[in-house]
N, C-alpha and C. Protein backbone atom coordinates (compact mmCIF):
# COMPACT_ATOMS: atom_id res chain seq x y z
N MET A 1 0.83 -1.18 0.00
CA MET A 1 0.00 0.00 0.00
C MET A 1 0.87 1.24 0.00
N LYS A 2 0.36 2.25 -0.67
CA LYS A 2 1.12 3.48 -0.84
C LYS A 2 0.32 4.65 -0.28
N THR A 3 0.94 5.50 0.52
CA THR A 3 0.29 6.70 1.04
C THR A 3 0.88 7.90 0.33
N ILE A 4 0.01 8.78 -0.13
CA ILE A 4 0.44 9.98 -0.84
C ILE A 4 0.00 11.18 -0.02
N ILE A 5 0.90 12.09 0.24
CA ILE A 5 0.58 13.30 0.99
C ILE A 5 0.54 14.45 -0.01
N VAL A 6 -0.59 15.15 -0.03
CA VAL A 6 -0.76 16.30 -0.90
C VAL A 6 -0.92 17.52 0.00
N SER A 7 -0.10 18.53 -0.21
CA SER A 7 -0.26 19.72 0.62
C SER A 7 0.14 20.96 -0.16
N GLY A 8 -0.24 22.11 0.37
CA GLY A 8 0.13 23.36 -0.28
C GLY A 8 -0.49 24.53 0.43
N LEU A 9 -0.27 25.70 -0.08
CA LEU A 9 -0.83 26.91 0.47
C LEU A 9 -1.40 27.72 -0.67
N VAL A 10 -2.64 28.14 -0.52
CA VAL A 10 -3.30 28.93 -1.54
C VAL A 10 -3.61 30.29 -0.92
N VAL A 11 -3.25 31.35 -1.58
CA VAL A 11 -3.58 32.69 -1.09
C VAL A 11 -4.56 33.27 -2.09
N LEU A 12 -5.74 33.64 -1.61
CA LEU A 12 -6.80 34.13 -2.47
C LEU A 12 -7.20 35.54 -2.06
N ALA A 13 -7.35 36.40 -3.02
CA ALA A 13 -7.80 37.76 -2.73
C ALA A 13 -9.30 37.82 -2.88
N MET A 14 -9.98 38.33 -1.87
CA MET A 14 -11.43 38.48 -1.91
C MET A 14 -11.72 39.92 -1.50
N GLY A 15 -12.06 40.74 -2.48
CA GLY A 15 -12.27 42.14 -2.19
C GLY A 15 -10.97 42.74 -1.68
N GLN A 16 -11.03 43.46 -0.56
CA GLN A 16 -9.83 44.05 -0.01
C GLN A 16 -9.16 43.13 1.00
N ALA A 17 -9.88 42.09 1.41
CA ALA A 17 -9.31 41.15 2.39
C ALA A 17 -8.59 40.02 1.67
N THR A 18 -7.67 39.41 2.35
CA THR A 18 -6.96 38.26 1.80
C THR A 18 -7.22 37.08 2.71
N LEU A 19 -7.64 35.98 2.09
CA LEU A 19 -7.90 34.76 2.84
C LEU A 19 -6.78 33.79 2.56
N GLN A 20 -6.12 33.33 3.60
CA GLN A 20 -5.10 32.31 3.42
C GLN A 20 -5.76 30.98 3.75
N SER A 21 -5.72 30.07 2.79
CA SER A 21 -6.38 28.79 2.96
C SER A 21 -5.39 27.69 2.67
N LYS A 22 -5.12 26.86 3.67
CA LYS A 22 -4.24 25.72 3.45
C LYS A 22 -5.05 24.65 2.74
N THR A 23 -4.51 24.10 1.68
CA THR A 23 -5.16 22.91 1.15
C THR A 23 -4.71 21.79 2.06
N THR A 24 -5.63 20.98 2.46
CA THR A 24 -5.37 19.98 3.47
C THR A 24 -4.33 18.98 3.03
N PRO A 25 -3.30 18.74 3.85
CA PRO A 25 -2.44 17.61 3.58
C PRO A 25 -3.32 16.36 3.72
N THR A 26 -3.63 15.74 2.61
CA THR A 26 -4.60 14.67 2.60
C THR A 26 -3.90 13.33 2.50
N GLN A 27 -4.21 12.43 3.40
CA GLN A 27 -3.70 11.08 3.28
C GLN A 27 -4.67 10.34 2.39
N VAL A 28 -4.22 10.01 1.20
CA VAL A 28 -5.08 9.39 0.22
C VAL A 28 -4.69 7.93 0.08
N LYS A 29 -5.58 7.07 0.48
CA LYS A 29 -5.34 5.63 0.35
C LYS A 29 -6.61 5.02 -0.20
N GLY A 30 -6.56 4.39 -1.35
CA GLY A 30 -7.70 3.65 -1.84
C GLY A 30 -8.46 4.33 -2.94
N LYS A 31 -8.96 3.54 -3.88
CA LYS A 31 -9.70 4.11 -4.99
C LYS A 31 -11.00 4.72 -4.53
N ALA A 32 -11.47 4.37 -3.34
CA ALA A 32 -12.66 4.99 -2.81
C ALA A 32 -12.43 6.48 -2.58
N VAL A 33 -11.16 6.87 -2.50
CA VAL A 33 -10.84 8.28 -2.30
C VAL A 33 -10.31 8.85 -3.61
N THR A 34 -9.05 8.64 -3.93
CA THR A 34 -8.56 9.12 -5.22
C THR A 34 -7.55 8.19 -5.87
N LYS A 35 -6.81 7.46 -5.14
CA LYS A 35 -5.75 6.64 -5.70
C LYS A 35 -6.06 5.16 -5.50
N ALA A 36 -5.46 4.31 -6.28
CA ALA A 36 -5.61 2.87 -6.09
C ALA A 36 -4.79 2.45 -4.88
N GLY A 37 -5.26 1.45 -4.17
CA GLY A 37 -4.52 0.98 -3.00
C GLY A 37 -5.45 0.58 -1.89
N GLY A 38 -5.16 0.97 -0.66
CA GLY A 38 -5.90 0.56 0.53
C GLY A 38 -7.12 1.39 0.84
N THR A 39 -7.31 1.70 2.10
CA THR A 39 -8.50 2.40 2.57
C THR A 39 -8.11 3.72 3.24
N PHE A 40 -8.97 4.72 3.09
CA PHE A 40 -8.74 6.02 3.72
C PHE A 40 -8.98 5.91 5.22
N ARG A 41 -8.11 6.51 5.99
CA ARG A 41 -8.29 6.62 7.44
C ARG A 41 -8.31 8.10 7.79
N LYS A 42 -9.38 8.51 8.39
CA LYS A 42 -9.52 9.92 8.76
C LYS A 42 -8.47 10.29 9.79
N PRO A 43 -7.78 11.42 9.59
CA PRO A 43 -6.79 11.87 10.57
C PRO A 43 -7.43 12.19 11.91
N SER A 44 -6.64 12.21 12.95
CA SER A 44 -7.13 12.55 14.29
C SER A 44 -7.60 14.00 14.31
N ASP A 45 -8.38 14.34 15.32
CA ASP A 45 -8.87 15.70 15.47
C ASP A 45 -7.70 16.68 15.60
N ALA A 46 -6.68 16.29 16.35
CA ALA A 46 -5.51 17.17 16.53
C ALA A 46 -4.82 17.41 15.18
N THR A 47 -4.71 16.38 14.38
CA THR A 47 -4.09 16.52 13.05
C THR A 47 -4.93 17.42 12.16
N LEU A 48 -6.25 17.22 12.19
CA LEU A 48 -7.14 18.05 11.37
C LEU A 48 -7.05 19.51 11.77
N ARG A 49 -6.95 19.78 13.06
CA ARG A 49 -6.81 21.17 13.52
C ARG A 49 -5.56 21.82 12.95
N LYS A 50 -4.48 21.04 12.79
CA LYS A 50 -3.23 21.57 12.23
C LYS A 50 -3.31 21.72 10.73
N GLN A 51 -3.98 20.77 10.07
CA GLN A 51 -4.00 20.75 8.61
C GLN A 51 -5.00 21.71 7.99
N LEU A 52 -6.09 21.96 8.68
CA LEU A 52 -7.16 22.80 8.14
C LEU A 52 -7.09 24.21 8.71
N THR A 53 -7.58 25.17 7.94
CA THR A 53 -7.73 26.52 8.48
C THR A 53 -8.84 26.47 9.53
N PRO A 54 -8.94 27.46 10.41
CA PRO A 54 -10.04 27.45 11.38
C PRO A 54 -11.42 27.34 10.72
N LEU A 55 -11.63 28.03 9.60
CA LEU A 55 -12.92 27.96 8.91
C LEU A 55 -13.16 26.57 8.33
N GLN A 56 -12.15 25.98 7.68
CA GLN A 56 -12.31 24.64 7.13
C GLN A 56 -12.62 23.64 8.24
N TYR A 57 -11.95 23.77 9.37
CA TYR A 57 -12.18 22.88 10.50
C TYR A 57 -13.62 23.05 11.03
N GLN A 58 -14.05 24.29 11.24
CA GLN A 58 -15.39 24.57 11.76
C GLN A 58 -16.47 24.03 10.83
N VAL A 59 -16.31 24.24 9.53
CA VAL A 59 -17.31 23.78 8.57
C VAL A 59 -17.34 22.26 8.49
N THR A 60 -16.19 21.64 8.27
CA THR A 60 -16.17 20.19 8.03
C THR A 60 -16.39 19.36 9.29
N GLN A 61 -15.87 19.81 10.42
CA GLN A 61 -15.92 18.99 11.63
C GLN A 61 -17.04 19.38 12.60
N HIS A 62 -17.56 20.61 12.47
CA HIS A 62 -18.60 21.06 13.40
C HIS A 62 -19.81 21.65 12.69
N ASP A 63 -20.02 21.20 11.45
CA ASP A 63 -21.23 21.53 10.68
C ASP A 63 -21.44 23.03 10.51
N GLY A 64 -20.35 23.76 10.36
CA GLY A 64 -20.44 25.21 10.19
C GLY A 64 -20.88 25.60 8.79
N THR A 65 -21.07 26.89 8.62
CA THR A 65 -21.42 27.46 7.32
C THR A 65 -20.58 28.70 7.11
N GLU A 66 -19.95 28.80 5.96
CA GLU A 66 -19.14 29.97 5.64
C GLU A 66 -20.04 31.09 5.12
N PRO A 67 -19.54 32.32 5.11
CA PRO A 67 -20.35 33.44 4.61
C PRO A 67 -20.60 33.32 3.10
N PRO A 68 -21.79 33.68 2.65
CA PRO A 68 -22.06 33.69 1.21
C PRO A 68 -21.27 34.79 0.52
N PHE A 69 -20.94 34.55 -0.73
CA PHE A 69 -20.22 35.50 -1.59
C PHE A 69 -18.83 35.87 -1.09
N LYS A 70 -18.39 35.31 0.02
CA LYS A 70 -17.06 35.59 0.55
C LYS A 70 -16.33 34.27 0.75
N ASN A 71 -16.46 33.42 -0.24
CA ASN A 71 -15.80 32.12 -0.18
C ASN A 71 -15.15 31.84 -1.53
N VAL A 72 -14.26 30.94 -1.53
CA VAL A 72 -13.37 30.69 -2.66
C VAL A 72 -14.05 30.26 -3.96
N TYR A 73 -15.04 29.39 -3.90
CA TYR A 73 -15.55 28.77 -5.13
C TYR A 73 -16.93 29.21 -5.58
N TRP A 74 -17.59 30.10 -4.89
CA TRP A 74 -18.96 30.45 -5.26
C TRP A 74 -19.05 30.93 -6.71
N ASN A 75 -18.01 31.58 -7.20
CA ASN A 75 -18.04 32.14 -8.55
C ASN A 75 -16.98 31.52 -9.46
N ASN A 76 -16.44 30.38 -9.08
CA ASN A 76 -15.43 29.71 -9.89
C ASN A 76 -16.07 29.14 -11.15
N LYS A 77 -15.54 29.48 -12.30
CA LYS A 77 -16.08 29.00 -13.57
C LYS A 77 -15.10 28.11 -14.32
N GLU A 78 -13.96 27.82 -13.71
CA GLU A 78 -12.94 26.99 -14.35
C GLU A 78 -13.41 25.53 -14.38
N PRO A 79 -13.14 24.80 -15.49
CA PRO A 79 -13.52 23.39 -15.54
C PRO A 79 -12.63 22.52 -14.67
N GLY A 80 -13.25 21.56 -14.00
CA GLY A 80 -12.52 20.64 -13.14
C GLY A 80 -13.47 19.96 -12.18
N ILE A 81 -12.90 19.34 -11.16
CA ILE A 81 -13.73 18.66 -10.17
C ILE A 81 -13.41 19.17 -8.77
N TYR A 82 -14.35 18.95 -7.89
CA TYR A 82 -14.24 19.34 -6.49
C TYR A 82 -14.15 18.08 -5.64
N VAL A 83 -13.16 18.05 -4.75
CA VAL A 83 -12.96 16.89 -3.88
C VAL A 83 -13.09 17.33 -2.43
N ASP A 84 -13.28 16.36 -1.55
CA ASP A 84 -13.34 16.63 -0.11
C ASP A 84 -11.99 17.17 0.36
N ILE A 85 -11.98 18.23 1.13
CA ILE A 85 -10.75 18.87 1.60
C ILE A 85 -9.98 17.96 2.56
N VAL A 86 -10.66 17.03 3.21
CA VAL A 86 -10.01 16.13 4.16
C VAL A 86 -9.51 14.86 3.49
N SER A 87 -10.37 14.20 2.72
CA SER A 87 -10.04 12.88 2.17
C SER A 87 -9.57 12.89 0.73
N GLY A 88 -9.96 13.89 -0.03
CA GLY A 88 -9.66 13.91 -1.46
C GLY A 88 -10.65 13.12 -2.29
N GLU A 89 -11.72 12.60 -1.67
CA GLU A 89 -12.68 11.83 -2.45
C GLU A 89 -13.43 12.75 -3.41
N PRO A 90 -13.59 12.34 -4.68
CA PRO A 90 -14.27 13.15 -5.70
C PRO A 90 -15.74 13.35 -5.33
N LEU A 91 -16.21 14.60 -5.42
CA LEU A 91 -17.58 14.91 -5.02
C LEU A 91 -18.42 15.54 -6.12
N PHE A 92 -17.91 16.59 -6.75
CA PHE A 92 -18.70 17.35 -7.72
C PHE A 92 -17.87 17.73 -8.93
N SER A 93 -18.55 18.00 -10.05
CA SER A 93 -17.91 18.43 -11.28
C SER A 93 -18.37 19.84 -11.65
N SER A 94 -17.48 20.60 -12.25
CA SER A 94 -17.87 21.93 -12.73
C SER A 94 -18.94 21.83 -13.81
N LEU A 95 -19.05 20.68 -14.46
CA LEU A 95 -20.07 20.48 -15.49
C LEU A 95 -21.48 20.49 -14.90
N ASP A 96 -21.59 20.24 -13.61
CA ASP A 96 -22.88 20.24 -12.92
C ASP A 96 -23.05 21.45 -12.00
N LYS A 97 -22.14 22.42 -12.08
CA LYS A 97 -22.19 23.63 -11.26
C LYS A 97 -23.06 24.66 -11.96
N PHE A 98 -23.83 25.41 -11.20
CA PHE A 98 -24.67 26.45 -11.79
C PHE A 98 -24.73 27.65 -10.87
N GLU A 99 -25.12 28.78 -11.42
CA GLU A 99 -25.24 30.02 -10.65
C GLU A 99 -26.60 30.01 -9.94
N SER A 100 -26.56 29.88 -8.63
CA SER A 100 -27.79 29.79 -7.84
C SER A 100 -28.17 31.12 -7.20
N SER A 101 -27.30 32.10 -7.31
CA SER A 101 -27.50 33.42 -6.68
C SER A 101 -27.55 33.34 -5.16
N THR A 102 -26.99 32.28 -4.58
CA THR A 102 -26.99 32.13 -3.13
C THR A 102 -25.67 32.56 -2.51
N GLY A 103 -24.60 32.61 -3.32
CA GLY A 103 -23.28 32.97 -2.79
C GLY A 103 -22.45 31.78 -2.36
N TRP A 104 -22.95 30.56 -2.62
CA TRP A 104 -22.20 29.34 -2.35
C TRP A 104 -22.13 28.53 -3.64
N PRO A 105 -21.10 27.70 -3.80
CA PRO A 105 -21.08 26.84 -4.98
C PRO A 105 -22.26 25.87 -4.95
N SER A 106 -22.97 25.79 -6.07
CA SER A 106 -24.15 24.94 -6.16
C SER A 106 -24.05 24.01 -7.36
N PHE A 107 -24.50 22.79 -7.17
CA PHE A 107 -24.39 21.75 -8.19
C PHE A 107 -25.74 21.05 -8.34
N THR A 108 -26.03 20.53 -9.54
CA THR A 108 -27.28 19.82 -9.77
C THR A 108 -27.22 18.38 -9.30
N ARG A 109 -26.01 17.84 -9.19
CA ARG A 109 -25.86 16.44 -8.76
C ARG A 109 -24.41 16.18 -8.37
N PRO A 110 -24.17 15.13 -7.59
CA PRO A 110 -22.80 14.76 -7.26
C PRO A 110 -22.12 14.05 -8.43
N LEU A 111 -20.83 14.20 -8.52
CA LEU A 111 -20.04 13.49 -9.52
C LEU A 111 -20.01 12.00 -9.19
N GLU A 112 -19.83 11.69 -7.93
CA GLU A 112 -19.78 10.30 -7.44
C GLU A 112 -20.81 10.15 -6.32
N PRO A 113 -22.05 9.76 -6.66
CA PRO A 113 -23.08 9.63 -5.63
C PRO A 113 -22.68 8.72 -4.47
N ALA A 114 -21.84 7.73 -4.71
CA ALA A 114 -21.41 6.82 -3.64
C ALA A 114 -20.54 7.53 -2.60
N ASN A 115 -19.99 8.70 -2.94
CA ASN A 115 -19.14 9.45 -2.00
C ASN A 115 -19.94 10.47 -1.18
N ILE A 116 -21.25 10.47 -1.34
CA ILE A 116 -22.13 11.42 -0.66
C ILE A 116 -23.05 10.67 0.30
N VAL A 117 -23.23 11.23 1.48
CA VAL A 117 -24.18 10.71 2.46
C VAL A 117 -25.16 11.84 2.77
N LYS A 118 -26.44 11.52 2.75
CA LYS A 118 -27.47 12.50 3.10
C LYS A 118 -28.05 12.15 4.45
N LYS A 119 -28.22 13.18 5.29
CA LYS A 119 -28.78 12.99 6.62
C LYS A 119 -29.82 14.07 6.89
N VAL A 120 -30.79 13.77 7.70
CA VAL A 120 -31.77 14.78 8.09
C VAL A 120 -31.12 15.69 9.12
N ASP A 121 -31.20 16.98 8.87
CA ASP A 121 -30.65 18.01 9.76
C ASP A 121 -31.83 18.80 10.32
N ARG A 122 -32.04 18.73 11.61
CA ARG A 122 -33.16 19.44 12.25
C ARG A 122 -32.70 20.67 13.03
N GLN A 123 -31.48 21.12 12.73
CA GLN A 123 -30.97 22.33 13.39
C GLN A 123 -31.88 23.50 13.03
N TYR A 124 -32.07 24.43 13.91
CA TYR A 124 -32.92 25.61 13.72
C TYR A 124 -34.39 25.22 13.58
N ASN A 125 -34.78 24.02 14.07
CA ASN A 125 -36.18 23.55 14.05
C ASN A 125 -36.77 23.48 12.64
N VAL A 126 -35.93 23.25 11.65
CA VAL A 126 -36.37 23.08 10.28
C VAL A 126 -35.70 21.81 9.75
N ALA A 127 -36.47 20.95 9.11
CA ALA A 127 -35.89 19.72 8.55
C ALA A 127 -35.25 20.05 7.20
N ARG A 128 -33.94 19.82 7.13
CA ARG A 128 -33.21 20.00 5.86
C ARG A 128 -32.42 18.73 5.62
N THR A 129 -31.93 18.58 4.38
CA THR A 129 -31.11 17.42 4.07
C THR A 129 -29.66 17.84 4.04
N GLU A 130 -28.91 17.38 5.03
CA GLU A 130 -27.48 17.66 5.11
C GLU A 130 -26.73 16.73 4.16
N VAL A 131 -25.64 17.24 3.59
CA VAL A 131 -24.78 16.44 2.72
C VAL A 131 -23.41 16.33 3.37
N ARG A 132 -22.92 15.08 3.50
CA ARG A 132 -21.61 14.79 4.10
C ARG A 132 -20.83 13.91 3.14
N SER A 133 -19.51 13.95 3.27
CA SER A 133 -18.69 13.04 2.46
C SER A 133 -18.67 11.68 3.15
N ARG A 134 -18.70 10.63 2.35
CA ARG A 134 -18.79 9.27 2.89
C ARG A 134 -17.55 8.86 3.68
N HIS A 135 -16.36 9.08 3.13
CA HIS A 135 -15.15 8.54 3.73
C HIS A 135 -14.57 9.40 4.85
N ALA A 136 -14.66 10.71 4.73
CA ALA A 136 -14.12 11.60 5.77
C ALA A 136 -15.19 12.09 6.73
N ASP A 137 -16.46 11.89 6.37
CA ASP A 137 -17.59 12.36 7.17
C ASP A 137 -17.53 13.88 7.36
N SER A 138 -17.04 14.58 6.34
CA SER A 138 -17.00 16.05 6.38
C SER A 138 -18.38 16.62 6.10
N HIS A 139 -18.77 17.63 6.86
CA HIS A 139 -19.98 18.37 6.53
C HIS A 139 -19.68 19.18 5.27
N LEU A 140 -20.51 19.02 4.24
CA LEU A 140 -20.31 19.73 2.98
C LEU A 140 -21.31 20.87 2.80
N GLY A 141 -22.55 20.65 3.17
CA GLY A 141 -23.60 21.64 2.97
C GLY A 141 -24.95 20.96 3.04
N HIS A 142 -25.89 21.42 2.19
CA HIS A 142 -27.25 20.87 2.17
C HIS A 142 -27.72 20.73 0.73
N VAL A 143 -28.72 19.88 0.54
CA VAL A 143 -29.34 19.73 -0.78
C VAL A 143 -30.80 20.14 -0.66
N PHE A 144 -31.26 20.89 -1.68
CA PHE A 144 -32.61 21.41 -1.71
C PHE A 144 -33.28 21.01 -3.02
N ASP A 145 -34.59 21.02 -3.03
CA ASP A 145 -35.35 20.64 -4.23
C ASP A 145 -35.76 21.84 -5.07
N ASP A 146 -34.92 22.86 -5.14
CA ASP A 146 -35.25 24.05 -5.92
C ASP A 146 -34.20 24.33 -7.00
N GLY A 147 -33.54 23.29 -7.48
CA GLY A 147 -32.51 23.45 -8.50
C GLY A 147 -33.06 23.35 -9.91
N PRO A 148 -32.20 23.59 -10.88
CA PRO A 148 -32.62 23.55 -12.28
C PRO A 148 -32.69 22.11 -12.81
N PRO A 149 -33.23 21.94 -14.01
CA PRO A 149 -33.18 20.62 -14.66
C PRO A 149 -31.72 20.25 -14.90
N PRO A 150 -31.33 19.05 -15.03
CA PRO A 150 -32.23 17.91 -15.20
C PRO A 150 -32.66 17.28 -13.88
N THR A 151 -32.09 17.65 -12.76
CA THR A 151 -32.38 16.95 -11.50
C THR A 151 -33.37 17.68 -10.60
N GLY A 152 -33.48 19.01 -10.74
CA GLY A 152 -34.30 19.78 -9.83
C GLY A 152 -33.67 19.93 -8.45
N GLN A 153 -32.43 19.49 -8.31
CA GLN A 153 -31.72 19.53 -7.04
C GLN A 153 -30.73 20.69 -7.02
N ARG A 154 -30.49 21.23 -5.82
CA ARG A 154 -29.46 22.25 -5.61
C ARG A 154 -28.59 21.79 -4.45
N TYR A 155 -27.43 21.24 -4.79
CA TYR A 155 -26.45 20.87 -3.78
C TYR A 155 -25.68 22.13 -3.43
N CYS A 156 -26.05 22.76 -2.33
CA CYS A 156 -25.46 24.03 -1.91
C CYS A 156 -24.32 23.71 -0.94
N MET A 157 -23.09 23.85 -1.40
CA MET A 157 -21.92 23.39 -0.67
C MET A 157 -21.10 24.54 -0.11
N ASN A 158 -20.32 24.27 0.90
CA ASN A 158 -19.38 25.22 1.46
C ASN A 158 -18.04 25.07 0.75
N SER A 159 -17.49 26.14 0.25
CA SER A 159 -16.16 26.11 -0.36
C SER A 159 -15.12 25.58 0.61
N ALA A 160 -15.29 25.88 1.90
CA ALA A 160 -14.32 25.48 2.91
C ALA A 160 -14.20 23.97 3.06
N SER A 161 -15.17 23.23 2.57
CA SER A 161 -15.12 21.77 2.67
C SER A 161 -14.60 21.12 1.39
N LEU A 162 -14.30 21.96 0.40
CA LEU A 162 -13.89 21.46 -0.91
C LEU A 162 -12.48 21.90 -1.30
N ARG A 163 -11.90 21.13 -2.22
CA ARG A 163 -10.67 21.53 -2.89
C ARG A 163 -10.92 21.34 -4.37
N PHE A 164 -10.63 22.37 -5.16
CA PHE A 164 -10.87 22.33 -6.61
C PHE A 164 -9.64 21.83 -7.33
N ILE A 165 -9.85 20.92 -8.28
CA ILE A 165 -8.76 20.41 -9.11
C ILE A 165 -9.10 20.73 -10.55
N PRO A 166 -8.34 21.65 -11.19
CA PRO A 166 -8.61 21.99 -12.58
C PRO A 166 -8.34 20.80 -13.51
N VAL A 167 -9.00 20.80 -14.66
CA VAL A 167 -8.85 19.71 -15.63
C VAL A 167 -7.38 19.42 -15.92
N ALA A 168 -6.58 20.45 -16.09
CA ALA A 168 -5.16 20.27 -16.44
C ALA A 168 -4.37 19.53 -15.36
N LYS A 169 -4.89 19.46 -14.14
CA LYS A 169 -4.16 18.80 -13.05
C LYS A 169 -4.78 17.47 -12.62
N LEU A 170 -5.81 17.02 -13.32
CA LEU A 170 -6.47 15.78 -12.93
C LEU A 170 -5.51 14.59 -12.95
N GLU A 171 -4.72 14.47 -14.00
CA GLU A 171 -3.77 13.36 -14.10
C GLU A 171 -2.78 13.38 -12.94
N ALA A 172 -2.21 14.53 -12.68
CA ALA A 172 -1.20 14.67 -11.63
C ALA A 172 -1.78 14.35 -10.25
N GLU A 173 -3.07 14.57 -10.07
CA GLU A 173 -3.73 14.29 -8.79
C GLU A 173 -4.26 12.86 -8.70
N GLY A 174 -3.99 12.05 -9.75
CA GLY A 174 -4.47 10.67 -9.75
C GLY A 174 -5.94 10.54 -10.10
N LEU A 175 -6.49 11.57 -10.73
CA LEU A 175 -7.91 11.59 -11.08
C LEU A 175 -8.12 11.66 -12.59
N GLY A 176 -7.18 11.11 -13.33
CA GLY A 176 -7.24 11.14 -14.80
C GLY A 176 -8.48 10.49 -15.37
N ARG A 177 -9.10 9.58 -14.62
CA ARG A 177 -10.30 8.91 -15.11
C ARG A 177 -11.44 9.90 -15.37
N TYR A 178 -11.37 11.10 -14.79
CA TYR A 178 -12.41 12.11 -15.00
C TYR A 178 -12.11 13.04 -16.18
N ARG A 179 -10.92 12.94 -16.73
CA ARG A 179 -10.52 13.84 -17.83
C ARG A 179 -11.47 13.75 -19.02
N SER A 180 -11.94 12.55 -19.34
CA SER A 180 -12.80 12.36 -20.52
C SER A 180 -14.13 13.09 -20.39
N LEU A 181 -14.56 13.41 -19.19
CA LEU A 181 -15.82 14.15 -19.01
C LEU A 181 -15.77 15.53 -19.66
N PHE A 182 -14.56 16.06 -19.77
CA PHE A 182 -14.40 17.44 -20.24
C PHE A 182 -14.04 17.53 -21.72
N GLY A 183 -14.01 16.41 -22.44
CA GLY A 183 -13.70 16.42 -23.87
C GLY A 183 -12.27 16.85 -24.12
N THR A 184 -11.99 17.18 -25.36
CA THR A 184 -10.62 17.56 -25.73
C THR A 184 -10.39 19.05 -25.61
N LYS A 185 -11.45 19.84 -25.72
CA LYS A 185 -11.32 21.29 -25.60
C LYS A 185 -11.60 21.70 -24.16
N LYS A 186 -11.14 22.88 -23.80
CA LYS A 186 -11.41 23.42 -22.48
C LYS A 186 -12.91 23.67 -22.38
N THR A 187 -13.54 23.09 -21.36
CA THR A 187 -14.97 23.17 -21.18
C THR A 187 -15.31 24.12 -20.05
N ALA A 188 -16.21 25.04 -20.31
CA ALA A 188 -16.62 25.99 -19.26
C ALA A 188 -17.64 25.33 -18.34
N ALA A 189 -17.67 25.77 -17.12
CA ALA A 189 -18.67 25.29 -16.16
C ALA A 189 -20.03 25.79 -16.54
N ARG A 190 -21.04 25.01 -16.21
CA ARG A 190 -22.41 25.43 -16.50
C ARG A 190 -22.91 26.34 -15.42
């Protein structure tokens, strides 16, 4: 079995403020996540606190919500896929992303439905459908029945729980199997 550590630092400008966001050093083991091999093991809470920014930790581990329109991917139009910030498991494609006017990245469907878990969330005395990643159990956001065709679904996700991988980097990230979704030309997000 082979363990691959992926890490880095992304500095993003948002208005006049600058958000420093660590991409999670992800232990990727197993095709259930991104690479062939064994099984993903979620890092300890102490490790996650070190690897994630405070916002990423709050959102993924304590069911937080980031501010609308002040997050990394709400307006991202580059083609590629979105993976769990903790595990690297593939979750969504830019081909299924749409402008929901909510200020969060929204998708009509998951790229890999097997990597998504839906749970009833009764927080705030309202029943909603929470979306979590299967292998890392990260809180991702919620799904609503007010999306566009073809599914009528709106997977409203937190950027803080995701890491975006552009089409040009899919092979290098061990996700080359998704390259064919984008054809030979650069494909814009929907």
